[in-house]
Protein backbone atom coordinates (compact mmCIF):
# COMPACT_ATOMS: atom_id res chain seq x y z
CA MET A 1 21.59 53.57 0.96
CA THR A 2 22.01 50.77 3.44
CA THR A 3 21.96 47.10 2.79
CA ASP A 4 20.09 44.83 5.16
CA SER A 5 22.67 42.47 6.88
CA ASN A 6 19.94 39.78 7.27
CA SER A 7 18.88 39.63 3.56
CA GLY A 8 21.27 36.75 2.97
CA SER A 9 20.26 34.88 6.03
CA TRP A 10 16.67 34.55 4.93
CA TRP A 11 17.78 32.55 1.83
CA SER A 12 20.21 30.52 3.81
CA ARG A 13 17.65 29.80 6.49
CA TYR A 14 15.16 28.35 4.01
CA ARG A 15 17.60 26.99 1.36
CA ALA A 16 17.08 23.39 2.47
CA VAL A 17 13.27 23.74 2.40
CA PHE A 18 13.40 25.18 -1.08
CA ARG A 19 15.87 22.42 -2.18
CA PHE A 20 13.50 19.82 -0.76
CA LEU A 21 10.51 21.35 -2.46
CA ALA A 22 12.33 21.71 -5.87
CA LYS A 23 13.45 18.02 -5.61
CA ALA A 24 9.99 16.85 -4.65
CA VAL A 25 8.38 18.72 -7.58
CA ALA A 26 11.01 17.34 -10.04
CA ILE A 27 10.55 13.80 -8.70
CA TYR A 28 6.82 14.01 -8.80
CA GLY A 29 6.95 15.36 -12.31
CA ALA A 30 9.27 12.42 -13.41
CA TRP A 31 6.93 9.91 -11.60
CA TYR A 32 3.89 11.45 -13.39
CA VAL A 33 5.61 11.03 -16.81
CA LEU A 34 6.89 7.52 -15.94
CA TYR A 35 3.64 6.25 -14.37
CA ASP A 36 0.67 8.17 -15.86
CA LEU A 37 1.89 8.50 -19.38
CA TRP A 38 3.90 5.17 -19.77
CA LEU A 39 3.28 2.48 -17.14
CA LEU A 40 -0.39 2.99 -16.58
CA PRO A 41 -1.34 2.99 -20.26
CA ASP A 42 0.92 -0.09 -20.73
CA GLY A 43 -0.89 -1.84 -17.88
CA ARG A 44 1.45 -4.83 -17.29
CA LEU A 45 2.93 -3.47 -14.05
CA ASP A 46 -0.49 -2.55 -12.65
CA ALA A 47 -1.89 -5.89 -13.60
CA TRP A 48 0.96 -7.77 -12.01
CA VAL A 49 0.75 -5.83 -8.76
CA SER A 50 -3.05 -6.08 -8.62
CA GLN A 51 -2.89 -9.84 -9.17
CA THR A 52 -0.28 -10.35 -6.49
CA VAL A 53 -2.34 -8.24 -4.06
CA VAL A 54 -5.40 -10.33 -4.88
CA HIS A 55 -3.55 -13.61 -4.31
CA ALA A 56 -2.09 -12.34 -1.08
CA GLY A 57 -5.50 -11.04 0.13
CA GLN A 58 -7.16 -14.39 -0.89
CA MET A 59 -4.63 -16.18 1.35
CA VAL A 60 -5.33 -13.89 4.21
CA LEU A 61 -9.05 -14.46 3.84
CA ALA A 62 -8.69 -18.21 3.51
CA GLY A 63 -6.49 -18.11 6.65
CA LEU A 64 -9.32 -16.40 8.46
CA GLY A 65 -11.66 -19.14 7.35
CA MET A 66 -13.49 -17.33 4.54
CA ASP A 67 -14.36 -19.00 1.23
CA ALA A 68 -12.46 -16.66 -1.15
CA VAL A 69 -11.05 -17.36 -4.60
CA ALA A 70 -8.50 -15.30 -6.42
CA ASN A 71 -9.44 -14.79 -10.07
CA GLY A 72 -7.16 -12.43 -11.98
CA ARG A 73 -7.72 -8.98 -10.47
CA SER A 74 -10.73 -10.05 -8.39
CA ILE A 75 -11.35 -11.86 -5.08
CA GLU A 76 -14.57 -13.75 -5.43
CA LEU A 77 -16.54 -14.67 -2.26
CA ALA A 78 -19.25 -17.22 -1.83
CA GLN A 79 -21.18 -14.99 0.56
CA ALA A 80 -20.73 -11.59 -1.15
CA PRO A 81 -20.09 -9.90 -4.53
CA GLY A 82 -16.27 -9.81 -3.97
CA ILE A 83 -13.87 -7.05 -4.99
CA ARG A 84 -11.85 -6.07 -8.05
CA ILE A 85 -8.53 -4.26 -7.89
CA VAL A 86 -8.43 -1.67 -10.60
CA ASP A 87 -5.48 0.55 -11.74
CA GLY A 88 -5.06 3.27 -9.16
CA CYS A 89 -6.18 1.11 -6.30
CA ASN A 90 -3.30 -1.30 -6.20
CA GLY A 91 -0.82 0.89 -4.24
CA LEU A 92 1.54 1.73 -7.06
CA ALA A 93 0.80 5.50 -6.96
CA THR A 94 1.28 5.52 -3.11
CA ILE A 95 4.62 3.73 -3.50
CA GLY A 96 5.73 6.37 -6.10
CA LEU A 97 4.69 9.10 -3.59
CA PHE A 98 6.58 7.38 -0.78
CA ALA A 99 9.74 6.89 -2.85
CA GLY A 100 9.56 10.55 -3.97
CA PHE A 101 9.55 11.77 -0.43
CA VAL A 102 12.50 9.63 0.49
CA LEU A 103 14.50 10.65 -2.57
CA ALA A 104 13.63 14.31 -2.03
CA PHE A 105 14.61 14.48 1.64
CA PRO A 106 18.23 14.51 2.61
CA GLY A 107 19.84 11.16 3.73
CA SER A 108 22.50 8.76 2.99
CA THR A 109 22.39 6.74 -0.17
CA ARG A 110 22.93 3.45 1.66
CA ARG A 111 20.09 4.10 3.96
CA ARG A 112 17.79 5.03 0.96
CA LEU A 113 18.70 1.73 -0.67
CA LEU A 114 17.57 -0.07 2.48
CA PHE A 115 14.63 2.09 3.41
CA ILE A 116 12.78 2.35 0.04
CA PRO A 117 12.33 -1.43 -0.29
CA PHE A 118 11.35 -1.56 3.38
CA GLY A 119 8.68 1.15 2.77
CA VAL A 120 7.50 -0.48 -0.40
CA GLY A 121 6.98 -3.74 1.53
CA VAL A 122 5.08 -1.93 4.30
CA ILE A 123 2.77 -0.23 1.74
CA TYR A 124 2.31 -3.49 -0.13
CA LEU A 125 1.28 -5.34 3.11
CA ALA A 126 -1.01 -2.49 4.04
CA ASN A 127 -2.71 -2.77 0.69
CA VAL A 128 -3.08 -6.59 1.20
CA ALA A 129 -4.67 -5.77 4.58
CA ARG A 130 -6.92 -3.19 3.07
CA VAL A 131 -8.14 -5.54 0.34
CA SER A 132 -8.72 -8.28 2.88
CA LEU A 133 -10.61 -5.86 5.09
CA LEU A 134 -12.82 -4.61 2.26
CA ALA A 135 -13.62 -8.19 1.18
CA GLY A 136 -14.41 -9.06 4.81
CA LEU A 137 -16.66 -6.09 5.15
CA GLN A 138 -18.72 -7.22 2.25
CA VAL A 139 -19.37 -10.44 4.15
CA TYR A 140 -19.77 -9.30 7.78
CA TRP A 141 -20.73 -5.50 7.57
CA PRO A 142 -21.81 -4.52 4.01
CA PRO A 143 -22.98 -0.96 4.96
CA ALA A 144 -19.51 0.02 6.14
CA PHE A 145 -17.85 -0.96 2.70
CA ASP A 146 -18.51 2.26 0.90
CA PHE A 147 -17.38 4.47 3.72
CA ILE A 148 -14.16 2.49 4.34
CA HIS A 149 -13.41 2.24 0.62
CA THR A 150 -14.03 5.89 -0.07
CA LEU A 151 -12.64 7.65 2.99
CA GLY A 152 -10.98 5.22 5.34
CA ALA A 153 -8.64 3.50 2.80
CA PRO A 154 -7.10 6.71 1.35
CA ALA A 155 -6.65 8.18 4.82
CA PHE A 156 -5.06 4.91 6.00
CA PHE A 157 -2.53 5.02 3.17
CA HIS A 158 -1.67 8.67 3.56
CA LEU A 159 -1.04 8.07 7.29
CA ILE A 160 1.19 5.14 6.46
CA VAL A 161 3.19 7.20 3.92
CA PHE A 162 3.37 10.11 6.39
CA GLY A 163 4.56 7.75 9.11
CA LEU A 164 7.28 6.26 6.84
CA TRP A 165 8.36 9.75 5.82
CA VAL A 166 8.63 10.83 9.53
CA LEU A 167 10.58 7.74 10.17
CA TRP A 168 12.93 8.55 7.24
CA ALA A 169 13.23 12.19 8.32
CA ASN A 170 14.32 11.07 11.80
CA TYR A 171 16.52 8.14 10.95
CA GLY A 172 17.40 8.48 7.27
CA GLY A 173 20.90 9.75 7.88
CA ALA A 174 20.51 13.42 7.01
CA THR A 175 23.65 15.29 7.91
CA LEU A 176 23.52 18.25 10.33
CA ASP A 177 25.08 21.53 9.38
CA ALA A 178 28.84 21.97 10.21
CA GLY A 179 28.23 24.16 13.26
CA ALA A 180 26.02 21.66 14.91
CA GLU A 181 28.28 18.78 14.22
CA SER A 182 31.32 20.55 15.58
CA GLY A 183 29.49 21.26 18.91
CA ALA A 184 29.56 25.04 18.41
CA GLU A 185 26.74 26.79 19.96
CA VAL A 186 24.10 28.10 17.48
CA ASP A 187 22.33 31.28 18.13
CA PRO A 188 18.60 30.41 18.03
CA ALA A 189 17.84 33.81 16.50
CA VAL A 190 20.04 32.94 13.51
CA ALA A 191 19.33 29.27 13.23
């Protein structure tokens, strides 16, 4: 009986991928327990984030000359019904998804501590832009509201998270394997 000399190389070739997937599943599971089973039913964090997004959106709309009033979780408009930010639409789930990607993918701790707040800020500002856009659509192009709300906004957020993750994957400080760092040639058939 002979042993396959490449049997160990398959595992070593995909070890980093399996490690990333295992971390991602563990982090997603922890986020699910934390958010869906504790933070979401409690409601205080969602309410606070929704209210800050509403106030920021109202400021954007007022800056654009629209008559908008922030009222709790709602932006009320003189010319249209307005919008209400409900749990699940305030960006917290997207922030958790983003942070999970960054924590699961290799990189330096120092860069993580800088990049996660940066990404949270980008996602928050994107949500303010989304809320402002949706409110503006109600005034200037009401037929587009449902399409943008249902399909456009989720795609927009997923593209932002994907872009942030690509940025992290390229600049997050992941270390190369020892052979590549030392300048040794790597056989493409093995690597």
